[in-house]
Amino acid sequence: MTDKLFDLSGRIALITGASQGLGFTIARGLGQGGVTLVLNGRNAEKLEKAVSTLSNEGLTVHACLFDVRDANQIQRKIAEVEREIGPIDILVNNAGIQRIGPLEMTEESVWKDVIESNLTSVFLTTQQVVQGMIQRKSGKIINICSLTSERCRPTLGPYAASKGGVKMLTKAMAVDWAKYNIQVNGIGPGYFITAMMTPAKDPNFHDWVRSRTPMGRWGDPSDLVGVAVFLASRASDFVTGQIINVDGGFSASL
C-alpha cells in the first residue's frame, strides 16, 4: 500500500532549469522513481549534456529547449511535448537566477530580469501546462521557493521579492485549481552547495551558514529528492498550498 502511494511509474514530468544544480538533481530523483523526464533549459549545450548523463544512467529523458520568460516559446514547446511525448502530469518550476547588490543601486533592468526569470516564468509556464491538467482533472505542480520567500539578507532584494511572489503565487494556484484535483505546493531550500554556491567562494559565509543551521551543515542537492517525490506522488493528494522548507532547521531557529 505504501509503495503505491509513492509510485511514480508512467508519469511525465517537466522540470524547468534542469540542466544543472537543484533542478537536475530533482529530475534525477523523479526519474529514478519511474518518471519520464522532460528537462528544460535555454542553453542547448548544457541541456544536451544533462540529458545524456541521465540517459546513460538508464532513465527515460527528453530535452525541451525554451526560454521560460517567453510566452510564445512556452506555448509552442508545451504543445510539442504533449503531442510527441504525452500529457504532463508533474511540473517542477525550478528555473531562476540571482543578482546580488545594494537595493538602492539596483538597475531597473536587473530588477526586471530577476522578476521575469523567477516569478513571471512560473506564471507563464504553469498557465500553459495547467490547461491539460484541468481537462484531465489531475496534476502535481511543485514551485521552487526559497528561505528568502520568508526572510531576507542584505543585497538580495530583487531575489527575495521574486521568491516571496512565488510563495504567494503557489497559494493562489492551489486555491484556484483545487477543484480540478490539482495540487500545487512549494519547496523552500535553505543553503545548498551547488556550482553557484560553494563554500570556497567565501569561507566566512560557509562557517556562518554551518553555525546558523541547527543541523550544522549545508544542504546537499540530494536532500531535496524525498520531498519532491512526496509532492509529485499520490501520497500528497490532500496537500496543497503548502511551502515545505528543506533547510536543516534554519527557518525554525533564532
C-alpha atoms as a PDB file:
ATOM      1  CA  MET A   1       0.000   0.000   0.000  1.00  0.00           C
ATOM      2  CA  THR A   2       2.739   2.460   0.964  1.00  0.00           C
ATOM      3  CA  ASP A   3       4.712   1.643  -2.165  1.00  0.00           C
ATOM      4  CA  LYS A   4       1.707   2.501  -4.323  1.00  0.00           C
ATOM      5  CA  LEU A   5       1.347   5.895  -2.632  1.00  0.00           C
ATOM      6  CA  PHE A   6       4.826   6.888  -3.769  1.00  0.00           C
ATOM      7  CA  ASP A   7       4.790   5.075  -7.129  1.00  0.00           C
ATOM      8  CA  LEU A   8       5.610   7.479  -9.965  1.00  0.00           C
ATOM      9  CA  SER A   9       5.949   4.995 -12.799  1.00  0.00           C
ATOM     10  CA  GLY A  10       4.270   6.036 -16.014  1.00  0.00           C
ATOM     11  CA  ARG A  11       4.159   9.723 -15.108  1.00  0.00           C
ATOM     12  CA  ILE A  12       5.620  12.501 -17.256  1.00  0.00           C
ATOM     13  CA  ALA A  13       7.359  15.442 -15.580  1.00  0.00           C
ATOM     14  CA  LEU A  14       8.602  18.739 -16.971  1.00  0.00           C
ATOM     15  CA  ILE A  15      11.357  20.305 -14.872  1.00  0.00           C
ATOM     16  CA  THR A  16      12.444  23.839 -15.792  1.00  0.00           C
ATOM     17  CA  GLY A  17      16.013  24.967 -15.302  1.00  0.00           C
ATOM     18  CA  ALA A  18      17.102  21.339 -15.115  1.00  0.00           C
ATOM     19  CA  SER A  19      20.458  21.488 -16.890  1.00  0.00           C
ATOM     20  CA  GLN A  20      22.353  21.679 -13.602  1.00  0.00           C
ATOM     21  CA  GLY A  21      22.097  22.279  -9.876  1.00  0.00           C
ATOM     22  CA  LEU A  22      18.978  21.607  -7.852  1.00  0.00           C
ATOM     23  CA  GLY A  23      16.730  21.144 -10.892  1.00  0.00           C
ATOM     24  CA  PHE A  24      18.999  18.457 -12.332  1.00  0.00           C
ATOM     25  CA  THR A  25      19.117  16.547  -9.035  1.00  0.00           C
ATOM     26  CA  ILE A  26      15.343  16.742  -8.566  1.00  0.00           C
ATOM     27  CA  ALA A  27      14.906  15.464 -12.108  1.00  0.00           C
ATOM     28  CA  ARG A  28      17.265  12.559 -11.458  1.00  0.00           C
ATOM     29  CA  GLY A  29      15.349  11.637  -8.295  1.00  0.00           C
ATOM     30  CA  LEU A  30      11.999  11.666 -10.074  1.00  0.00           C
ATOM     31  CA  GLY A  31      13.462   9.677 -12.951  1.00  0.00           C
ATOM     32  CA  GLN A  32      14.769   7.032 -10.565  1.00  0.00           C
ATOM     33  CA  GLY A  33      11.184   6.738  -9.342  1.00  0.00           C
ATOM     34  CA  GLY A  34       9.988   5.780 -12.817  1.00  0.00           C
ATOM     35  CA  VAL A  35       9.078   9.194 -14.235  1.00  0.00           C
ATOM     36  CA  THR A  36       9.622  10.053 -17.888  1.00  0.00           C
ATOM     37  CA  LEU A  37      11.629  13.254 -17.693  1.00  0.00           C
ATOM     38  CA  VAL A  38      11.410  16.356 -19.860  1.00  0.00           C
ATOM     39  CA  LEU A  39      14.315  18.644 -18.985  1.00  0.00           C
ATOM     40  CA  ASN A  40      14.064  22.331 -19.817  1.00  0.00           C
ATOM     41  CA  GLY A  41      16.880  24.812 -20.228  1.00  0.00           C
ATOM     42  CA  ARG A  42      17.871  27.656 -22.505  1.00  0.00           C
ATOM     43  CA  ASN A  43      21.491  26.634 -23.094  1.00  0.00           C
ATOM     44  CA  ALA A  44      21.441  23.871 -25.699  1.00  0.00           C
ATOM     45  CA  GLU A  45      24.895  22.515 -24.868  1.00  0.00           C
ATOM     46  CA  LYS A  46      24.274  22.251 -21.113  1.00  0.00           C
ATOM     47  CA  LEU A  47      20.825  20.779 -21.696  1.00  0.00           C
ATOM     48  CA  GLU A  48      22.071  18.052 -24.020  1.00  0.00           C
ATOM     49  CA  LYS A  49      24.832  17.187 -21.551  1.00  0.00           C
ATOM     50  CA  ALA A  50      22.266  16.785 -18.750  1.00  0.00           C
ATOM     51  CA  VAL A  51      20.021  14.631 -20.946  1.00  0.00           C
ATOM     52  CA  SER A  52      22.961  12.476 -21.977  1.00  0.00           C
ATOM     53  CA  THR A  53      24.077  11.973 -18.361  1.00  0.00           C
ATOM     54  CA  LEU A  54      20.658  10.830 -17.166  1.00  0.00           C
ATOM     55  CA  SER A  55      20.063   8.733 -20.264  1.00  0.00           C
ATOM     56  CA  ASN A  56      23.350   6.904 -19.630  1.00  0.00           C
ATOM     57  CA  GLU A  57      22.060   6.166 -16.121  1.00  0.00           C
ATOM     58  CA  GLY A  58      19.149   4.303 -17.664  1.00  0.00           C
ATOM     59  CA  LEU A  59      16.491   6.995 -17.214  1.00  0.00           C
ATOM     60  CA  THR A  60      13.931   7.983 -19.841  1.00  0.00           C
ATOM     61  CA  VAL A  61      14.661  11.615 -20.590  1.00  0.00           C
ATOM     62  CA  HIS A  62      13.970  14.228 -23.260  1.00  0.00           C
ATOM     63  CA  ALA A  63      15.259  17.761 -23.878  1.00  0.00           C
ATOM     64  CA  CYS A  64      12.959  20.759 -24.186  1.00  0.00           C
ATOM     65  CA  LEU A  65      14.823  23.923 -25.128  1.00  0.00           C
ATOM     66  CA  PHE A  66      12.912  27.140 -24.427  1.00  0.00           C
ATOM     67  CA  ASP A  67      13.171  30.401 -22.510  1.00  0.00           C
ATOM     68  CA  VAL A  68      10.772  30.368 -19.540  1.00  0.00           C
ATOM     69  CA  ARG A  69      10.353  34.137 -19.905  1.00  0.00           C
ATOM     70  CA  ASP A  70       8.930  33.870 -23.425  1.00  0.00           C
ATOM     71  CA  ALA A  71       5.205  33.040 -23.591  1.00  0.00           C
ATOM     72  CA  ASN A  72       5.314  32.173 -27.302  1.00  0.00           C
ATOM     73  CA  GLN A  73       8.166  29.708 -26.870  1.00  0.00           C
ATOM     74  CA  ILE A  74       6.449  28.151 -23.854  1.00  0.00           C
ATOM     75  CA  GLN A  75       3.163  27.663 -25.691  1.00  0.00           C
ATOM     76  CA  ARG A  76       4.855  26.121 -28.713  1.00  0.00           C
ATOM     77  CA  LYS A  77       7.120  23.786 -26.739  1.00  0.00           C
ATOM     78  CA  ILE A  78       4.486  22.593 -24.256  1.00  0.00           C
ATOM     79  CA  ALA A  79       2.203  21.695 -27.150  1.00  0.00           C
ATOM     80  CA  GLU A  80       5.082  19.829 -28.769  1.00  0.00           C
ATOM     81  CA  VAL A  81       5.834  17.854 -25.593  1.00  0.00           C
ATOM     82  CA  GLU A  82       2.220  16.825 -25.063  1.00  0.00           C
ATOM     83  CA  ARG A  83       1.848  15.863 -28.719  1.00  0.00           C
ATOM     84  CA  GLU A  84       5.075  13.865 -29.066  1.00  0.00           C
ATOM     85  CA  ILE A  85       5.757  12.551 -25.527  1.00  0.00           C
ATOM     86  CA  GLY A  86       2.444  12.706 -23.699  1.00  0.00           C
ATOM     87  CA  PRO A  87       0.464  14.728 -21.161  1.00  0.00           C
ATOM     88  CA  ILE A  88       2.479  16.444 -18.445  1.00  0.00           C
ATOM     89  CA  ASP A  89       1.454  15.013 -15.064  1.00  0.00           C
ATOM     90  CA  ILE A  90       4.074  16.798 -12.956  1.00  0.00           C
ATOM     91  CA  LEU A  91       5.505  20.297 -13.380  1.00  0.00           C
ATOM     92  CA  VAL A  92       8.509  21.467 -11.382  1.00  0.00           C
ATOM     93  CA  ASN A  93       9.115  25.212 -11.737  1.00  0.00           C
ATOM     94  CA  ASN A  94      12.784  25.451 -10.816  1.00  0.00           C
ATOM     95  CA  ALA A  95      14.327  27.909 -13.290  1.00  0.00           C
ATOM     96  CA  GLY A  96      15.688  31.054 -11.716  1.00  0.00           C
ATOM     97  CA  ILE A  97      18.564  33.496 -11.360  1.00  0.00           C
ATOM     98  CA  GLN A  98      20.115  35.541  -8.590  1.00  0.00           C
ATOM     99  CA  ARG A  99      21.603  39.017  -8.789  1.00  0.00           C
ATOM    100  CA  ILE A 100      23.352  40.442  -5.734  1.00  0.00           C
ATOM    101  CA  GLY A 101      23.834  44.112  -4.897  1.00  0.00           C
ATOM    102  CA  PRO A 102      22.617  47.042  -2.793  1.00  0.00           C
ATOM    103  CA  LEU A 103      18.910  47.554  -3.394  1.00  0.00           C
ATOM    104  CA  GLU A 104      19.287  51.327  -3.707  1.00  0.00           C
ATOM    105  CA  MET A 105      21.713  50.818  -6.591  1.00  0.00           C
ATOM    106  CA  THR A 106      19.817  48.067  -8.402  1.00  0.00           C
ATOM    107  CA  GLU A 107      19.194  48.935 -12.041  1.00  0.00           C
ATOM    108  CA  GLU A 108      15.652  48.619 -13.368  1.00  0.00           C
ATOM    109  CA  SER A 109      16.910  46.152 -15.976  1.00  0.00           C
ATOM    110  CA  VAL A 110      18.299  43.896 -13.229  1.00  0.00           C
ATOM    111  CA  TRP A 111      15.057  44.096 -11.264  1.00  0.00           C
ATOM    112  CA  LYS A 112      13.005  43.147 -14.321  1.00  0.00           C
ATOM    113  CA  ASP A 113      15.356  40.318 -15.280  1.00  0.00           C
ATOM    114  CA  VAL A 114      15.097  38.708 -11.826  1.00  0.00           C
ATOM    115  CA  ILE A 115      11.322  39.125 -11.550  1.00  0.00           C
ATOM    116  CA  GLU A 116      10.717  37.810 -15.066  1.00  0.00           C
ATOM    117  CA  SER A 117      13.099  34.868 -14.655  1.00  0.00           C
ATOM    118  CA  ASN A 118      11.973  33.810 -11.168  1.00  0.00           C
ATOM    119  CA  LEU A 119       8.332  34.824 -10.858  1.00  0.00           C
ATOM    120  CA  THR A 120       6.737  35.647 -14.205  1.00  0.00           C
ATOM    121  CA  SER A 121       8.237  32.467 -15.654  1.00  0.00           C
ATOM    122  CA  VAL A 122       6.375  30.372 -13.080  1.00  0.00           C
ATOM    123  CA  PHE A 123       3.093  32.036 -14.032  1.00  0.00           C
ATOM    124  CA  LEU A 124       3.660  31.692 -17.793  1.00  0.00           C
ATOM    125  CA  THR A 125       4.856  28.075 -17.765  1.00  0.00           C
ATOM    126  CA  THR A 126       2.216  26.880 -15.323  1.00  0.00           C
ATOM    127  CA  GLN A 127      -0.605  28.682 -17.099  1.00  0.00           C
ATOM    128  CA  GLN A 128       0.224  26.730 -20.246  1.00  0.00           C
ATOM    129  CA  VAL A 129       0.769  23.332 -18.603  1.00  0.00           C
ATOM    130  CA  VAL A 130      -2.275  23.563 -16.342  1.00  0.00           C
ATOM    131  CA  GLN A 131      -4.693  23.673 -19.279  1.00  0.00           C
ATOM    132  CA  GLY A 132      -4.213  19.945 -19.849  1.00  0.00           C
ATOM    133  CA  MET A 133      -4.264  19.201 -16.128  1.00  0.00           C
ATOM    134  CA  ILE A 134      -7.614  20.959 -15.807  1.00  0.00           C
ATOM    135  CA  GLN A 135      -9.054  18.893 -18.654  1.00  0.00           C
ATOM    136  CA  ARG A 136      -7.771  15.662 -17.081  1.00  0.00           C
ATOM    137  CA  LYS A 137      -8.683  16.795 -13.541  1.00  0.00           C
ATOM    138  CA  SER A 138      -5.313  15.701 -12.269  1.00  0.00           C
ATOM    139  CA  GLY A 139      -1.903  17.261 -11.780  1.00  0.00           C
ATOM    140  CA  LYS A 140       1.012  17.997  -9.481  1.00  0.00           C
ATOM    141  CA  ILE A 141       2.783  21.362  -9.565  1.00  0.00           C
ATOM    142  CA  ILE A 142       5.901  22.000  -7.488  1.00  0.00           C
ATOM    143  CA  ASN A 143       7.329  25.514  -7.312  1.00  0.00           C
ATOM    144  CA  ILE A 144      10.863  26.002  -6.012  1.00  0.00           C
ATOM    145  CA  CYS A 145      10.706  28.777  -3.471  1.00  0.00           C
ATOM    146  CA  SER A 146      13.465  29.735  -1.034  1.00  0.00           C
ATOM    147  CA  LEU A 147      14.300  30.737   2.511  1.00  0.00           C
ATOM    148  CA  THR A 148      14.057  34.237   1.061  1.00  0.00           C
ATOM    149  CA  SER A 149      10.366  33.612   0.440  1.00  0.00           C
ATOM    150  CA  GLU A 150      10.116  34.288   4.193  1.00  0.00           C
ATOM    151  CA  ARG A 151      13.111  36.409   5.203  1.00  0.00           C
ATOM    152  CA  CYS A 152      15.947  38.318   3.615  1.00  0.00           C
ATOM    153  CA  ARG A 153      19.638  39.121   3.931  1.00  0.00           C
ATOM    154  CA  PRO A 154      21.281  42.342   2.686  1.00  0.00           C
ATOM    155  CA  THR A 155      21.859  42.634  -1.099  1.00  0.00           C
ATOM    156  CA  LEU A 156      19.183  40.068  -2.026  1.00  0.00           C
ATOM    157  CA  GLY A 157      16.261  42.460  -2.586  1.00  0.00           C
ATOM    158  CA  PRO A 158      15.113  41.515  -6.124  1.00  0.00           C
ATOM    159  CA  TYR A 159      15.621  37.801  -5.461  1.00  0.00           C
ATOM    160  CA  ALA A 160      13.705  37.911  -2.180  1.00  0.00           C
ATOM    161  CA  ALA A 161      10.874  39.857  -3.804  1.00  0.00           C
ATOM    162  CA  SER A 162      10.641  37.301  -6.601  1.00  0.00           C
ATOM    163  CA  LYS A 163      10.687  34.301  -4.267  1.00  0.00           C
ATOM    164  CA  GLY A 164       8.160  35.911  -1.939  1.00  0.00           C
ATOM    165  CA  GLY A 165       5.996  36.274  -5.016  1.00  0.00           C
ATOM    166  CA  VAL A 166       6.465  32.598  -5.902  1.00  0.00           C
ATOM    167  CA  LYS A 167       5.276  31.652  -2.417  1.00  0.00           C
ATOM    168  CA  MET A 168       2.020  33.593  -2.771  1.00  0.00           C
ATOM    169  CA  LEU A 169       1.547  32.560  -6.392  1.00  0.00           C
ATOM    170  CA  THR A 170       1.797  28.949  -5.202  1.00  0.00           C
ATOM    171  CA  LYS A 171      -1.017  29.550  -2.741  1.00  0.00           C
ATOM    172  CA  ALA A 172      -3.126  31.350  -5.364  1.00  0.00           C
ATOM    173  CA  MET A 173      -2.692  28.473  -7.811  1.00  0.00           C
ATOM    174  CA  ALA A 174      -3.582  25.957  -5.108  1.00  0.00           C
ATOM    175  CA  VAL A 175      -6.799  27.775  -4.244  1.00  0.00           C
ATOM    176  CA  ASP A 176      -7.868  28.316  -7.854  1.00  0.00           C
ATOM    177  CA  TRP A 177      -7.189  24.781  -9.070  1.00  0.00           C
ATOM    178  CA  ALA A 178      -8.036  22.573  -6.083  1.00  0.00           C
ATOM    179  CA  LYS A 179     -11.484  21.961  -7.599  1.00  0.00           C
ATOM    180  CA  TYR A 180      -9.759  20.289 -10.562  1.00  0.00           C
ATOM    181  CA  ASN A 181      -7.832  17.853  -8.321  1.00  0.00           C
ATOM    182  CA  ILE A 182      -4.577  19.707  -8.950  1.00  0.00           C
ATOM    183  CA  GLN A 183      -2.172  20.035  -6.042  1.00  0.00           C
ATOM    184  CA  VAL A 184       0.233  22.978  -6.017  1.00  0.00           C
ATOM    185  CA  ASN A 185       2.987  23.180  -3.418  1.00  0.00           C
ATOM    186  CA  GLY A 186       6.393  24.736  -2.937  1.00  0.00           C
ATOM    187  CA  ILE A 187       9.782  23.631  -1.703  1.00  0.00           C
ATOM    188  CA  GLY A 188      11.874  26.176   0.178  1.00  0.00           C
ATOM    189  CA  PRO A 189      15.530  25.138   0.014  1.00  0.00           C
ATOM    190  CA  GLY A 190      17.908  26.519   2.609  1.00  0.00           C
ATOM    191  CA  TYR A 191      21.598  26.927   1.831  1.00  0.00           C
ATOM    192  CA  PHE A 192      22.674  24.244  -0.631  1.00  0.00           C
ATOM    193  CA  ILE A 193      26.067  23.524  -2.127  1.00  0.00           C
ATOM    194  CA  THR A 194      25.786  23.907  -5.900  1.00  0.00           C
ATOM    195  CA  ALA A 195      28.005  25.230  -8.673  1.00  0.00           C
ATOM    196  CA  MET A 196      26.623  28.712  -7.977  1.00  0.00           C
ATOM    197  CA  MET A 197      27.041  28.471  -4.209  1.00  0.00           C
ATOM    198  CA  THR A 198      30.251  26.836  -2.984  1.00  0.00           C
ATOM    199  CA  PRO A 199      31.950  27.288   0.411  1.00  0.00           C
ATOM    200  CA  ALA A 200      35.249  28.015  -1.308  1.00  0.00           C
ATOM    201  CA  LYS A 201      33.884  31.332  -2.566  1.00  0.00           C
ATOM    202  CA  ASP A 202      33.614  32.762   0.949  1.00  0.00           C
ATOM    203  CA  PRO A 203      34.907  30.654   3.859  1.00  0.00           C
ATOM    204  CA  ASN A 204      33.456  33.094   6.408  1.00  0.00           C
ATOM    205  CA  PHE A 205      29.984  32.759   4.915  1.00  0.00           C
ATOM    206  CA  HIS A 206      30.406  28.996   4.812  1.00  0.00           C
ATOM    207  CA  ASP A 207      31.158  28.967   8.542  1.00  0.00           C
ATOM    208  CA  TRP A 208      28.223  31.295   9.263  1.00  0.00           C
ATOM    209  CA  VAL A 209      25.782  29.002   7.434  1.00  0.00           C
ATOM    210  CA  ARG A 210      27.015  25.978   9.378  1.00  0.00           C
ATOM    211  CA  SER A 211      26.764  27.787  12.715  1.00  0.00           C
ATOM    212  CA  ARG A 212      23.336  29.242  11.905  1.00  0.00           C
ATOM    213  CA  THR A 213      21.843  25.924  10.733  1.00  0.00           C
ATOM    214  CA  PRO A 214      20.786  23.646  13.620  1.00  0.00           C
ATOM    215  CA  MET A 215      21.906  20.553  11.697  1.00  0.00           C
ATOM    216  CA  GLY A 216      25.352  22.119  11.371  1.00  0.00           C
ATOM    217  CA  ARG A 217      25.842  21.676   7.630  1.00  0.00           C
ATOM    218  CA  TRP A 218      24.928  22.905   4.192  1.00  0.00           C
ATOM    219  CA  GLY A 219      22.279  21.062   2.242  1.00  0.00           C
ATOM    220  CA  ASP A 220      23.227  18.611  -0.466  1.00  0.00           C
ATOM    221  CA  PRO A 221      21.007  18.716  -3.585  1.00  0.00           C
ATOM    222  CA  SER A 222      20.019  15.105  -2.916  1.00  0.00           C
ATOM    223  CA  ASP A 223      18.299  16.308   0.280  1.00  0.00           C
ATOM    224  CA  LEU A 224      15.507  17.705  -1.927  1.00  0.00           C
ATOM    225  CA  VAL A 225      14.640  14.445  -3.668  1.00  0.00           C
ATOM    226  CA  GLY A 226      12.471  12.940  -0.920  1.00  0.00           C
ATOM    227  CA  VAL A 227      10.148  15.921  -0.595  1.00  0.00           C
ATOM    228  CA  ALA A 228       9.943  16.278  -4.387  1.00  0.00           C
ATOM    229  CA  VAL A 229       8.882  12.630  -4.723  1.00  0.00           C
ATOM    230  CA  PHE A 230       6.313  13.123  -1.956  1.00  0.00           C
ATOM    231  CA  LEU A 231       4.806  16.204  -3.588  1.00  0.00           C
ATOM    232  CA  ALA A 232       4.754  14.526  -7.012  1.00  0.00           C
ATOM    233  CA  SER A 233       3.066  11.355  -5.768  1.00  0.00           C
ATOM    234  CA  ARG A 234      -0.364  10.227  -4.580  1.00  0.00           C
ATOM    235  CA  ALA A 235       0.951  10.472  -1.025  1.00  0.00           C
ATOM    236  CA  SER A 236       0.332  14.246  -1.211  1.00  0.00           C
ATOM    237  CA  ASP A 237      -3.152  14.126  -2.764  1.00  0.00           C
ATOM    238  CA  PHE A 238      -4.672  16.137   0.125  1.00  0.00           C
ATOM    239  CA  VAL A 239      -1.714  18.520   0.484  1.00  0.00           C
ATOM    240  CA  THR A 240      -1.935  21.794  -1.418  1.00  0.00           C
ATOM    241  CA  GLY A 241      -0.883  25.409  -0.974  1.00  0.00           C
ATOM    242  CA  GLN A 242       2.000  24.469   1.329  1.00  0.00           C
ATOM    243  CA  ILE A 243       5.650  25.543   1.329  1.00  0.00           C
ATOM    244  CA  ILE A 244       7.911  22.858   2.776  1.00  0.00           C
ATOM    245  CA  ASN A 245      11.254  24.263   3.894  1.00  0.00           C
ATOM    246  CA  VAL A 246      14.200  21.919   3.456  1.00  0.00           C
ATOM    247  CA  ASP A 247      16.800  23.854   5.409  1.00  0.00           C
ATOM    248  CA  GLY A 248      18.233  21.791   8.242  1.00  0.00           C
ATOM    249  CA  GLY A 249      16.131  23.717  10.739  1.00  0.00           C
ATOM    250  CA  PHE A 250      17.367  27.173   9.691  1.00  0.00           C
ATOM    251  CA  SER A 251      13.905  28.756   9.483  1.00  0.00           C
ATOM    252  CA  ALA A 252      12.842  27.216  12.818  1.00  0.00           C
ATOM    253  CA  SER A 253      15.653  28.736  14.853  1.00  0.00           C
ATOM    254  CA  LEU A 254      16.509  32.160  16.196  1.00  0.00           C
END
